[in-house]
Protein backbone atom coordinates (compact mmCIF):
# COMPACT_ATOMS: atom_id res chain seq x y z
CA MET A 1 -61.85 -5.06 44.63
CA ILE A 2 -62.63 -6.24 48.16
CA VAL A 3 -63.60 -3.56 50.69
CA ILE A 4 -62.43 -4.25 54.25
CA TRP A 5 -63.76 -2.28 57.23
CA SER A 6 -61.38 -1.61 60.12
CA LYS A 7 -62.71 -2.28 63.62
CA SER A 8 -62.88 1.45 64.37
CA ALA A 9 -64.83 2.13 61.16
CA GLN A 10 -67.28 -0.66 62.02
CA SER A 11 -67.69 0.72 65.52
CA HIS A 12 -68.28 4.26 64.23
CA TRP A 13 -70.83 3.01 61.73
CA PHE A 14 -72.84 1.22 64.42
CA GLU A 15 -72.63 4.24 66.75
CA ALA A 16 -73.87 6.53 63.97
CA ALA A 17 -76.62 4.06 63.05
CA SER A 18 -77.81 3.85 66.65
CA TYR A 19 -77.84 7.64 66.98
CA ILE A 20 -79.71 8.09 63.71
CA LYS A 21 -82.33 5.51 64.65
CA THR A 22 -82.87 7.06 68.09
CA GLU A 23 -82.98 10.68 66.95
CA PHE A 24 -84.52 10.45 63.48
CA GLY A 25 -86.25 7.08 63.18
CA ILE A 26 -86.03 3.93 61.14
CA LYS A 27 -86.53 5.66 57.75
CA ALA A 28 -83.44 7.82 58.32
CA LEU A 29 -81.50 4.73 59.40
CA ASP A 30 -82.53 2.91 56.23
CA ASP A 31 -81.38 5.89 54.15
CA PHE A 32 -78.03 5.97 55.99
CA ALA A 33 -77.51 2.23 55.50
CA LYS A 34 -78.44 2.41 51.82
CA GLY A 35 -76.13 5.39 51.31
CA THR A 36 -73.27 3.49 52.90
CA ASP A 37 -73.95 0.42 50.75
CA ASP A 38 -74.07 2.56 47.60
CA VAL A 39 -70.73 4.22 48.40
CA VAL A 40 -69.01 0.93 49.23
CA ARG A 41 -70.31 -0.64 46.02
CA GLN A 42 -69.00 2.36 44.05
CA LEU A 43 -65.61 2.10 45.74
CA SER A 44 -65.31 -1.59 44.94
CA PHE A 45 -65.37 -0.66 41.23
CA MET A 46 -63.68 2.76 41.33
CA PRO A 47 -61.43 2.93 44.42
CA LEU A 48 -59.79 6.21 43.45
CA CYS A 49 -63.04 8.13 42.95
CA GLY A 50 -62.86 9.79 46.38
CA SER A 51 -61.02 13.02 47.04
CA PHE A 52 -57.67 13.10 48.81
CA GLU A 53 -58.33 13.59 52.53
CA PRO A 54 -56.48 16.77 53.57
CA LEU A 55 -56.93 16.12 57.30
CA LEU A 56 -54.78 12.99 57.00
CA SER A 57 -52.16 14.25 54.55
CA HIS A 58 -49.52 14.07 57.31
CA ARG A 59 -49.99 10.30 57.69
CA ASN A 60 -48.56 7.52 55.58
CA GLY A 61 -51.06 6.02 53.24
CA ASN A 62 -53.32 7.09 50.44
CA TYR A 63 -56.29 8.41 52.41
CA ARG A 64 -59.33 9.44 50.43
CA SER A 65 -62.88 10.37 51.34
CA ILE A 66 -66.38 10.52 49.96
CA VAL A 67 -69.16 12.65 51.41
CA TYR A 68 -72.60 11.12 51.03
CA GLY A 69 -76.02 12.02 52.28
CA LYS A 70 -76.21 15.25 54.25
CA TYR A 71 -73.94 14.39 57.14
CA SER A 72 -71.78 11.36 56.36
CA LYS A 73 -68.17 11.12 55.28
CA LEU A 74 -66.44 7.84 54.52
CA ILE A 75 -62.64 7.97 54.86
CA TYR A 76 -60.76 5.10 53.29
CA MET A 77 -57.28 4.00 52.30
CA VAL A 78 -56.28 2.18 49.15
CA CYS A 79 -53.77 -0.56 49.93
CA TYR A 80 -51.15 -0.58 47.19
CA SER A 81 -49.38 -3.68 48.50
CA ASP A 82 -52.39 -5.67 47.31
CA PRO A 83 -54.44 -3.86 44.65
CA ASN A 84 -57.40 -6.16 45.31
CA PHE A 85 -58.09 -4.65 48.74
CA LEU A 86 -59.44 -1.31 49.91
CA THR A 87 -59.63 -0.60 53.64
CA VAL A 88 -62.28 1.65 55.14
CA LYS A 89 -60.44 3.29 58.03
CA GLN A 90 -63.05 5.66 59.35
CA LEU A 91 -66.62 6.71 59.04
CA LEU A 92 -67.54 10.20 60.18
CA PHE A 93 -71.09 11.24 60.89
CA LEU A 94 -70.98 15.03 60.83
């Protein structure tokens, strides 16, 4: 399965990465980046492994989320029109 990042998810990832690097240093940034890579790799093989995202239950789409690390939540949507694609809609750094 191909994982596609929306523009807003990309933007949020870079904002979170910049904040982490500034506040916590390069080691924390490396951990954040590795955590993101691990989750995306997992999703490419098991796209339904995340939990249903209750905050987005009112919207159309199959929104799911995975919490990773201490403060990161990846929200994504499985695109059923093409089962080969998964779209990352949002990345939250809590």
